[in-house]
């Protein structure tokens, strides 16, 4: 069952939420005529906030849409108190519809509100895992919490029921199942996912193009724990089962800058000639990451990747990847 954080301006209105049996968001002084789609919300938002940057507007529009439309009855919401003890108010969204209260008519200045049945006792940050505490540290106002099972177990005392996995479904089968799910991403979505995996590994750089048939897709530095920095260029080819041949590797090597190492990432694999060429000492080194190796990196850093996606409001991709965790017995 989904869990969402809805902040109360650093806890200023959390007590009002609890007393009134609701959770709310600001931004608007008067109700919108249409809140049913992101596009309708965007039209009103941009009228009210003409001078705001495109990036900030997009992020806030996404949060408003999430509060009004993505959150559903019976989902859980969590919001922090302002006290120093790290207390968190937790409750379940009621089936009653979203409503609007003109700001200034009661103790909370937030207009749009959702009815909530609040849990009688708060929970505390020091009870939570480090991963969940990091998630709750996001600067967003409204965001999904991927560690919902941890919270639900804490609130209900009942651990999640895990599906039975047949003994024959071992690590190799699990890796392939995840790879097949990642292949459902578009080429553009896969490149975006690669950018987040590189980032959690310590890569600092930029995309050189959005989707490319050849050449360099990412360029920057791989910073290894403050000990070393490697200039790195990365090429990404999603591919399904077609092996990467030596011609593609030579083309990539020809695009490498002097002093840079190369990294080739695919969800398929490499021919034996390609692997031999990649380690040829007479040429610039190129590290090859095939589908199995990429899946292992994805699983190892899964929580960090989802946290980074949530922090940057990349909801659509995060939602697609969130379903993958049921397939991660390797983690």
Protein backbone atom coordinates (compact mmCIF):
# COMPACT_ATOMS: atom_id res chain seq x y z
CA UNK A 1 0.00 0.00 0.00
CA UNK A 2 1.56 3.34 -1.05
CA UNK A 3 2.97 5.77 1.51
CA UNK A 4 3.41 9.49 0.80
CA UNK A 5 5.11 12.27 2.71
CA UNK A 6 3.23 15.59 2.81
CA UNK A 7 5.19 18.28 4.60
CA UNK A 8 3.54 20.91 6.80
CA UNK A 9 6.01 23.77 6.26
CA UNK A 10 8.70 22.32 8.57
CA UNK A 11 5.96 21.06 10.89
CA UNK A 12 4.24 24.42 11.38
CA UNK A 13 0.79 23.03 10.61
CA UNK A 14 1.17 19.39 11.68
CA UNK A 15 -0.81 19.95 14.89
CA UNK A 16 -3.55 21.60 12.83
CA UNK A 17 -3.57 18.57 10.53
CA UNK A 18 -3.95 16.25 13.50
CA UNK A 19 -6.72 18.27 15.19
CA UNK A 20 -8.64 18.80 11.97
CA UNK A 21 -8.30 15.29 10.59
CA UNK A 22 -6.76 16.29 7.28
CA UNK A 23 -3.50 16.93 5.43
CA UNK A 24 -3.05 19.91 3.14
CA UNK A 25 -0.93 21.80 0.63
CA UNK A 26 -0.62 25.49 -0.20
CA UNK A 27 0.30 27.31 -3.44
CA UNK A 28 -3.23 28.57 -4.25
CA UNK A 29 -5.38 31.24 -2.54
CA UNK A 30 -8.50 30.26 -4.47
CA UNK A 31 -9.73 26.89 -5.79
CA UNK A 32 -9.02 25.73 -9.33
CA UNK A 33 -11.88 25.12 -11.74
CA UNK A 34 -10.29 21.85 -12.90
CA UNK A 35 -7.86 19.67 -10.91
CA UNK A 36 -8.37 16.43 -12.82
CA UNK A 37 -5.19 16.50 -14.93
CA UNK A 38 -1.63 17.69 -14.66
CA UNK A 39 -2.20 19.91 -17.70
CA UNK A 40 -5.12 21.71 -16.05
CA UNK A 41 -3.11 22.26 -12.87
CA UNK A 42 -0.16 23.51 -14.93
CA UNK A 43 -2.30 26.11 -16.73
CA UNK A 44 -3.50 27.62 -13.46
CA UNK A 45 -0.10 27.36 -11.76
CA UNK A 46 1.73 29.21 -14.52
CA UNK A 47 -0.86 31.97 -14.46
CA UNK A 48 -0.28 32.45 -10.73
CA UNK A 49 3.53 32.12 -10.79
CA UNK A 50 4.60 33.86 -13.98
CA UNK A 51 8.17 34.62 -12.92
CA UNK A 52 9.04 31.14 -11.69
CA UNK A 53 11.61 29.06 -13.56
CA UNK A 54 10.51 26.19 -15.77
CA UNK A 55 12.28 23.64 -13.56
CA UNK A 56 10.71 24.84 -10.32
CA UNK A 57 7.29 25.15 -11.94
CA UNK A 58 7.44 21.60 -13.29
CA UNK A 59 8.48 20.19 -9.94
CA UNK A 60 5.72 22.00 -8.05
CA UNK A 61 3.05 21.15 -10.61
CA UNK A 62 4.04 17.50 -10.21
CA UNK A 63 3.70 17.70 -6.44
CA UNK A 64 0.26 19.34 -6.62
CA UNK A 65 -0.93 16.72 -9.09
CA UNK A 66 0.43 13.99 -6.84
CA UNK A 67 -1.46 15.36 -3.83
CA UNK A 68 -4.75 15.86 -5.70
CA UNK A 69 -4.78 12.84 -8.00
CA UNK A 70 -2.08 10.26 -7.30
CA UNK A 71 -2.76 9.81 -3.59
CA UNK A 72 -5.78 7.53 -3.20
CA UNK A 73 -8.15 6.56 -0.37
CA UNK A 74 -6.51 4.16 2.12
CA UNK A 75 -2.98 5.24 1.14
CA UNK A 76 -0.82 6.26 4.08
CA UNK A 77 0.57 9.75 4.63
CA UNK A 78 3.38 10.85 6.90
CA UNK A 79 4.25 14.40 7.99
CA UNK A 80 6.86 15.66 10.49
CA UNK A 81 6.16 17.60 13.66
CA UNK A 82 8.27 20.69 14.32
CA UNK A 83 9.67 19.36 17.61
CA UNK A 84 13.28 18.35 18.06
CA UNK A 85 12.42 14.74 18.96
CA UNK A 86 11.89 13.82 15.33
CA UNK A 87 8.25 12.82 15.78
CA UNK A 88 6.25 11.92 12.68
CA UNK A 89 2.47 11.96 12.34
CA UNK A 90 1.14 9.03 10.30
CA UNK A 91 -2.38 8.33 9.05
CA UNK A 92 -4.58 6.82 6.34
CA UNK A 93 -6.35 8.83 3.67
CA UNK A 94 -10.14 8.60 3.99
CA UNK A 95 -12.49 8.03 1.02
CA UNK A 96 -13.99 11.53 1.29
CA UNK A 97 -13.02 13.85 -1.60
CA UNK A 98 -10.39 16.58 -1.62
CA UNK A 99 -11.81 19.93 -0.51
CA UNK A 100 -10.72 23.57 -0.41
CA UNK A 101 -10.75 26.02 2.52
CA UNK A 102 -10.05 29.68 1.84
CA UNK A 103 -6.68 30.47 3.49
CA UNK A 104 -6.99 32.60 6.62
CA UNK A 105 -10.34 31.20 7.76
CA UNK A 106 -8.82 28.76 10.27
CA UNK A 107 -5.48 27.92 11.89
CA UNK A 108 -3.92 26.49 8.71
CA UNK A 109 -3.20 28.60 5.64
CA UNK A 110 -3.21 25.61 3.28
CA UNK A 111 -6.26 25.56 0.99
CA UNK A 112 -6.40 22.11 -0.60
CA UNK A 113 -6.96 19.32 1.92
CA UNK A 114 -7.54 15.58 2.08
CA UNK A 115 -9.38 13.95 5.02
CA UNK A 116 -7.10 11.63 7.03
CA UNK A 117 -7.61 9.27 9.97
CA UNK A 118 -4.45 9.89 11.98
CA UNK A 119 -2.71 7.13 13.89
CA UNK A 120 -3.04 7.87 17.63
CA UNK A 121 0.68 7.57 18.35
CA UNK A 122 3.53 9.23 16.42
CA UNK A 123 6.57 7.35 15.21
CA UNK A 124 10.11 8.68 15.56
CA UNK A 125 12.95 9.04 13.10
CA UNK A 126 15.38 7.12 15.31
CA UNK A 127 13.13 4.06 14.91
CA UNK A 128 13.62 4.06 11.15
CA UNK A 129 16.29 2.57 8.92
CA UNK A 130 18.99 4.84 7.53
CA UNK A 131 17.53 4.40 4.04
CA UNK A 132 14.08 5.58 5.17
CA UNK A 133 15.52 8.51 7.15
CA UNK A 134 17.40 9.60 4.02
CA UNK A 135 14.21 9.40 1.96
CA UNK A 136 12.32 11.55 4.47
CA UNK A 137 15.12 14.11 4.21
CA UNK A 138 14.00 15.06 0.70
CA UNK A 139 13.33 18.76 0.20
CA UNK A 140 10.11 18.06 -1.73
CA UNK A 141 6.72 18.86 -0.19
CA UNK A 142 4.82 15.84 -1.53
CA UNK A 143 6.59 12.62 -2.52
CA UNK A 144 6.21 8.85 -2.51
CA UNK A 145 8.09 6.83 0.12
CA UNK A 146 9.37 3.58 -1.46
CA UNK A 147 10.09 1.93 1.92
CA UNK A 148 6.37 1.42 2.55
CA UNK A 149 6.77 -2.10 3.94
CA UNK A 150 9.03 -0.88 6.73
CA UNK A 151 6.47 1.72 7.80
CA UNK A 152 3.49 -0.61 7.50
CA UNK A 153 5.23 -3.28 9.55
CA UNK A 154 6.00 -0.68 12.24
CA UNK A 155 2.39 0.55 12.33
CA UNK A 156 0.56 -2.76 12.13
CA UNK A 157 3.05 -5.10 13.75
CA UNK A 158 2.48 -7.52 10.88
CA UNK A 159 5.43 -8.24 8.58
CA UNK A 160 4.69 -8.27 4.85
CA UNK A 161 3.68 -11.53 3.27
CA UNK A 162 6.39 -12.44 0.83
CA UNK A 163 5.53 -14.61 -2.16
CA UNK A 164 6.93 -18.10 -2.13
CA UNK A 165 9.86 -18.43 -4.48
CA UNK A 166 10.53 -21.84 -5.90
CA UNK A 167 14.05 -23.11 -5.20
CA UNK A 168 14.65 -23.33 -8.95
CA UNK A 169 14.28 -19.54 -9.20
CA UNK A 170 17.87 -18.84 -8.24
CA UNK A 171 20.18 -15.86 -8.76
CA UNK A 172 20.64 -16.45 -12.49
CA UNK A 173 16.89 -16.64 -13.12
CA UNK A 174 16.32 -13.57 -10.94
CA UNK A 175 18.96 -11.57 -12.82
CA UNK A 176 17.40 -12.47 -16.15
CA UNK A 177 13.90 -11.62 -14.88
CA UNK A 178 15.08 -8.15 -13.85
CA UNK A 179 16.90 -7.70 -17.16
CA UNK A 180 13.72 -8.52 -19.05
CA UNK A 181 11.82 -5.97 -16.99
CA UNK A 182 14.44 -3.30 -17.69
CA UNK A 183 14.10 -4.08 -21.39
CA UNK A 184 10.51 -2.83 -21.11
CA UNK A 185 11.95 0.67 -20.67
CA UNK A 186 12.26 2.81 -23.77
CA UNK A 187 15.76 3.63 -25.03
CA UNK A 188 15.42 7.12 -23.56
CA UNK A 189 14.23 5.79 -20.17
CA UNK A 190 17.11 3.32 -20.06
CA UNK A 191 19.66 6.07 -20.71
CA UNK A 192 18.12 8.11 -17.89
CA UNK A 193 18.35 5.06 -15.60
CA UNK A 194 22.02 4.60 -16.57
CA UNK A 195 22.66 8.25 -15.61
CA UNK A 196 21.32 7.59 -12.10
CA UNK A 197 23.33 4.37 -11.72
CA UNK A 198 26.49 6.23 -12.77
CA UNK A 199 25.72 8.99 -10.29
CA UNK A 200 25.42 6.67 -7.28
CA UNK A 201 28.72 5.09 -8.32
CA UNK A 202 30.40 8.50 -8.05
CA UNK A 203 30.18 9.77 -11.63
CA UNK A 204 29.95 13.55 -12.04
CA UNK A 205 29.24 14.70 -15.57
CA UNK A 206 26.60 15.29 -18.18
CA UNK A 207 24.74 13.67 -21.05
CA UNK A 208 26.14 14.58 -24.43
CA UNK A 209 22.88 13.70 -26.15
CA UNK A 210 19.55 12.21 -25.13
CA UNK A 211 19.46 9.07 -27.29
CA UNK A 212 22.32 8.16 -29.60
CA UNK A 213 23.05 5.47 -32.16
CA UNK A 214 26.80 5.92 -31.73
CA UNK A 215 29.38 8.08 -30.06
CA UNK A 216 29.55 9.20 -26.45
CA UNK A 217 26.39 9.45 -24.35
CA UNK A 218 27.90 10.63 -21.03
CA UNK A 219 31.14 12.44 -20.24
CA UNK A 220 32.65 13.41 -16.88
CA UNK A 221 34.70 12.10 -13.98
CA UNK A 222 34.30 8.99 -11.86
CA UNK A 223 35.26 10.02 -8.33
CA UNK A 224 36.20 7.08 -6.16
CA UNK A 225 35.78 7.86 -2.46
CA UNK A 226 37.97 10.95 -2.59
CA UNK A 227 40.95 8.73 -3.46
CA UNK A 228 40.99 8.85 -7.26
CA UNK A 229 39.36 10.61 -10.18
CA UNK A 230 39.05 8.97 -13.59
CA UNK A 231 38.08 10.88 -16.71
CA UNK A 232 35.35 8.77 -18.24
CA UNK A 233 33.20 8.65 -21.36
CA UNK A 234 30.26 6.28 -21.53
CA UNK A 235 28.27 4.80 -24.38
CA UNK A 236 24.89 3.15 -23.80
CA UNK A 237 23.20 0.67 -26.12
CA UNK A 238 20.05 -0.85 -24.70
CA UNK A 239 19.73 -3.78 -27.18
CA UNK A 240 17.81 -6.95 -26.38
CA UNK A 241 19.73 -10.04 -27.40
CA UNK A 242 21.97 -8.71 -30.21
CA UNK A 243 25.61 -8.86 -29.18
CA UNK A 244 27.75 -5.73 -29.42
CA UNK A 245 30.27 -6.34 -32.20
CA UNK A 246 33.81 -5.07 -32.59
CA UNK A 247 32.77 -2.47 -35.17
CA UNK A 248 30.61 -0.70 -32.58
CA UNK A 249 33.50 -0.77 -30.12
CA UNK A 250 35.93 0.69 -32.66
CA UNK A 251 33.45 3.45 -33.44
CA UNK A 252 33.16 4.29 -29.75
CA UNK A 253 36.93 4.20 -29.29
CA UNK A 254 37.31 6.62 -32.16
CA UNK A 255 35.13 9.12 -30.29
CA UNK A 256 37.12 8.88 -27.03
CA UNK A 257 39.11 11.92 -25.98
CA UNK A 258 42.77 11.64 -25.10
CA UNK A 259 43.27 10.75 -21.44
CA UNK A 260 39.76 9.37 -21.02
CA UNK A 261 38.75 5.83 -20.28
CA UNK A 262 35.70 4.38 -21.97
CA UNK A 263 32.80 2.43 -20.55
CA UNK A 264 30.30 0.58 -22.73
CA UNK A 265 26.96 -0.38 -21.13
CA UNK A 266 24.35 -2.67 -22.65
CA UNK A 267 21.53 -4.95 -21.56
CA UNK A 268 22.71 -7.58 -24.04
CA UNK A 269 26.30 -8.89 -24.26
CA UNK A 270 29.54 -8.64 -26.25
CA UNK A 271 31.12 -10.88 -28.85
CA UNK A 272 34.42 -12.55 -28.03
CA UNK A 273 36.19 -10.31 -30.57
CA UNK A 274 34.74 -7.24 -28.87
CA UNK A 275 35.95 -8.39 -25.47
CA UNK A 276 39.44 -9.06 -26.82
CA UNK A 277 39.57 -5.63 -28.46
CA UNK A 278 38.41 -3.90 -25.26
CA UNK A 279 41.48 -5.08 -23.33
CA UNK A 280 44.00 -4.64 -26.14
CA UNK A 281 46.95 -2.86 -24.45
CA UNK A 282 47.73 -0.88 -27.62
CA UNK A 283 44.48 1.11 -27.38
CA UNK A 284 42.65 3.20 -24.82
CA UNK A 285 41.01 0.91 -22.24
CA UNK A 286 37.27 0.35 -22.47
CA UNK A 287 35.35 -1.34 -19.67
CA UNK A 288 32.47 -3.51 -20.84
CA UNK A 289 29.32 -3.89 -18.72
CA UNK A 290 26.82 -6.41 -20.05
CA UNK A 291 23.22 -6.99 -19.05
CA UNK A 292 23.98 -9.29 -16.12
CA UNK A 293 26.59 -6.94 -14.69
CA UNK A 294 24.32 -3.89 -15.09
CA UNK A 295 21.47 -5.68 -13.32
CA UNK A 296 23.79 -6.53 -10.43
CA UNK A 297 24.78 -2.85 -10.13
CA UNK A 298 21.11 -1.85 -10.31
CA UNK A 299 20.16 -4.28 -7.53
CA UNK A 300 23.11 -3.31 -5.31
CA UNK A 301 22.25 0.40 -5.49
CA UNK A 302 18.48 0.05 -5.87
CA UNK A 303 17.50 2.12 -2.81
CA UNK A 304 19.91 4.93 -3.66
CA UNK A 305 18.62 5.05 -7.23
CA UNK A 306 14.98 5.26 -6.09
CA UNK A 307 15.87 7.95 -3.54
CA UNK A 308 17.60 10.03 -6.24
CA UNK A 309 14.62 9.65 -8.57
CA UNK A 310 12.23 10.72 -5.82
CA UNK A 311 14.38 13.70 -4.89
CA UNK A 312 14.27 14.94 -8.50
CA UNK A 313 10.56 14.26 -9.00
CA UNK A 314 11.20 11.65 -11.72
CA UNK A 315 7.94 9.95 -10.79
CA UNK A 316 7.13 8.12 -14.01
CA UNK A 317 10.46 6.30 -14.21
CA UNK A 318 10.53 5.68 -10.44
CA UNK A 319 7.11 4.05 -10.61
CA UNK A 320 8.23 1.71 -13.39
CA UNK A 321 11.34 0.72 -11.46
CA UNK A 322 9.54 0.36 -8.13
CA UNK A 323 7.74 -2.73 -9.40
CA UNK A 324 11.09 -4.37 -9.99
CA UNK A 325 11.92 -4.89 -6.32
CA UNK A 326 9.66 -7.92 -6.10
CA UNK A 327 12.15 -9.54 -8.45
CA UNK A 328 15.23 -8.80 -6.36
CA UNK A 329 15.95 -11.92 -4.24
CA UNK A 330 19.63 -11.21 -4.90
CA UNK A 331 19.60 -8.12 -2.68
